[in-house]
């Protein structure tokens, strides 16, 4: 008989700064759930990773005087060290700069575009880098 499947993932943190306690707490909670499901007999897959795109990351790298990829490589190494320190049992670690990830995202993007769900238009507004959010004039 085929085992029931259980899939769990965490949010993938931006690599603009070192992990904070809240992120580590999320990894621990996901790890506890993954271990429990494995013990319960489920075919469990636990995914985590890093988001390596965005203005915050570019600004953090620039403030250190290093190339963006060099900066995130160091941040990811530190993140993996912390995951190992806490004995997090993830099955896979995805980086948004991985070639396979980029290929899959592009395939999804073009499919959405073909379906008319993504289209070219214009948008004018304010963007807050700290909040990672577009703001209306009424919110300023």
Protein backbone atom coordinates (compact mmCIF):
# COMPACT_ATOMS: atom_id res chain seq x y z
CA UNK A 1 0.00 0.00 0.00
CA UNK A 2 1.29 3.45 -0.92
CA UNK A 3 2.07 5.79 1.96
CA UNK A 4 0.04 8.96 2.31
CA UNK A 5 2.02 12.03 1.35
CA UNK A 6 2.69 15.04 3.54
CA UNK A 7 4.34 18.17 2.19
CA UNK A 8 5.50 21.08 4.34
CA UNK A 9 7.40 24.22 3.48
CA UNK A 10 8.49 27.34 5.28
CA UNK A 11 8.47 30.88 4.04
CA UNK A 12 11.74 31.52 2.27
CA UNK A 13 13.43 34.45 3.98
CA UNK A 14 15.04 37.33 2.13
CA UNK A 15 18.80 37.14 2.32
CA UNK A 16 19.22 40.85 3.03
CA UNK A 17 20.14 40.17 6.67
CA UNK A 18 21.02 37.29 8.98
CA UNK A 19 18.19 35.09 10.16
CA UNK A 20 16.28 36.34 13.17
CA UNK A 21 14.66 34.36 15.97
CA UNK A 22 11.20 34.42 14.35
CA UNK A 23 12.53 32.76 11.21
CA UNK A 24 14.43 30.13 13.19
CA UNK A 25 11.26 29.50 15.22
CA UNK A 26 9.36 28.84 11.98
CA UNK A 27 12.01 26.33 10.86
CA UNK A 28 11.79 24.55 14.22
CA UNK A 29 7.97 24.34 14.03
CA UNK A 30 8.09 22.99 10.48
CA UNK A 31 10.78 20.51 11.51
CA UNK A 32 8.69 19.25 14.43
CA UNK A 33 5.72 18.73 12.10
CA UNK A 34 7.85 16.97 9.47
CA UNK A 35 9.37 14.63 12.06
CA UNK A 36 5.95 13.86 13.54
CA UNK A 37 4.52 13.03 10.12
CA UNK A 38 7.47 10.76 9.33
CA UNK A 39 6.95 8.92 12.62
CA UNK A 40 3.25 8.63 11.79
CA UNK A 41 4.21 6.80 8.59
CA UNK A 42 3.68 9.55 6.04
CA UNK A 43 5.91 9.97 3.00
CA UNK A 44 7.05 13.42 4.12
CA UNK A 45 8.81 16.12 2.12
CA UNK A 46 10.08 19.22 3.94
CA UNK A 47 11.22 22.16 1.81
CA UNK A 48 12.84 25.41 2.82
CA UNK A 49 15.15 27.83 1.10
CA UNK A 50 16.16 31.40 0.45
CA UNK A 51 14.74 34.33 -1.51
CA UNK A 52 17.68 36.02 -3.19
CA UNK A 53 15.97 38.76 -5.19
CA UNK A 54 14.82 42.25 -4.29
CA UNK A 55 15.87 45.79 -3.56
CA UNK A 56 16.67 45.09 0.09
CA UNK A 57 19.21 42.47 -0.91
CA UNK A 58 20.78 44.72 -3.53
CA UNK A 59 21.02 47.58 -1.02
CA UNK A 60 22.50 45.31 1.68
CA UNK A 61 25.14 44.00 -0.73
CA UNK A 62 25.95 47.51 -1.95
CA UNK A 63 26.34 48.76 1.62
CA UNK A 64 28.95 46.03 2.19
CA UNK A 65 30.69 46.84 -1.09
CA UNK A 66 30.24 43.35 -2.57
CA UNK A 67 28.44 41.91 -5.59
CA UNK A 68 24.87 40.80 -4.90
CA UNK A 69 25.51 37.11 -5.68
CA UNK A 70 28.61 37.06 -3.48
CA UNK A 71 26.59 38.64 -0.68
CA UNK A 72 23.71 36.15 -0.88
CA UNK A 73 26.12 33.21 -1.15
CA UNK A 74 27.56 34.22 2.22
CA UNK A 75 24.11 34.74 3.74
CA UNK A 76 22.93 31.32 2.49
CA UNK A 77 26.04 29.64 3.91
CA UNK A 78 25.23 31.23 7.28
CA UNK A 79 21.58 30.16 7.01
CA UNK A 80 22.57 26.56 6.25
CA UNK A 81 24.96 26.62 9.21
CA UNK A 82 22.07 27.67 11.48
CA UNK A 83 19.76 24.98 10.06
CA UNK A 84 22.46 22.40 10.77
CA UNK A 85 23.06 23.81 14.27
CA UNK A 86 19.36 23.33 15.08
CA UNK A 87 19.32 19.90 13.37
CA UNK A 88 16.56 20.95 10.96
CA UNK A 89 15.60 17.91 8.86
CA UNK A 90 14.62 19.57 5.57
CA UNK A 91 14.70 17.31 2.52
CA UNK A 92 15.47 20.08 0.06
CA UNK A 93 16.79 23.64 0.07
CA UNK A 94 15.73 25.88 -2.80
CA UNK A 95 17.49 29.07 -3.79
CA UNK A 96 15.61 31.49 -6.01
CA UNK A 97 18.85 31.91 -7.99
CA UNK A 98 19.03 28.17 -8.79
CA UNK A 99 18.82 27.54 -12.55
CA UNK A 100 16.12 24.89 -12.07
CA UNK A 101 14.03 27.30 -9.99
CA UNK A 102 14.39 30.02 -12.64
CA UNK A 103 13.36 27.56 -15.39
CA UNK A 104 10.21 26.48 -13.53
CA UNK A 105 9.23 30.06 -12.64
CA UNK A 106 9.66 31.12 -16.27
CA UNK A 107 7.48 28.21 -17.46
CA UNK A 108 4.74 29.21 -15.02
CA UNK A 109 5.06 32.88 -16.02
CA UNK A 110 4.69 32.13 -19.74
CA UNK A 111 1.72 29.84 -19.11
CA UNK A 112 -0.01 32.59 -17.10
CA UNK A 113 0.81 35.08 -19.86
CA UNK A 114 -0.63 32.73 -22.52
CA UNK A 115 -3.84 32.48 -20.47
CA UNK A 116 -4.12 36.28 -20.28
CA UNK A 117 -3.56 36.33 -16.52
CA UNK A 118 -0.41 38.44 -16.96
CA UNK A 119 -0.48 41.41 -19.31
CA UNK A 120 1.46 44.58 -19.97
CA UNK A 121 -0.02 47.73 -18.48
CA UNK A 122 1.05 50.70 -16.42
CA UNK A 123 0.83 51.37 -12.72
CA UNK A 124 1.79 54.53 -10.97
CA UNK A 125 2.29 54.66 -7.25
CA UNK A 126 4.63 54.82 -4.32
CA UNK A 127 6.68 51.84 -3.16
CA UNK A 128 8.03 51.37 0.36
CA UNK A 129 11.16 49.18 0.34
CA UNK A 130 11.03 48.60 4.11
CA UNK A 131 7.41 47.36 4.01
CA UNK A 132 7.77 45.76 0.56
CA UNK A 133 4.45 47.28 -0.37
CA UNK A 134 2.89 49.69 -2.83
CA UNK A 135 1.11 52.60 -1.20
CA UNK A 136 -1.83 54.72 -2.29
CA UNK A 137 -1.65 58.50 -2.02
CA UNK A 138 -4.17 58.26 0.83
CA UNK A 139 -1.71 56.09 2.79
CA UNK A 140 1.15 58.60 2.68
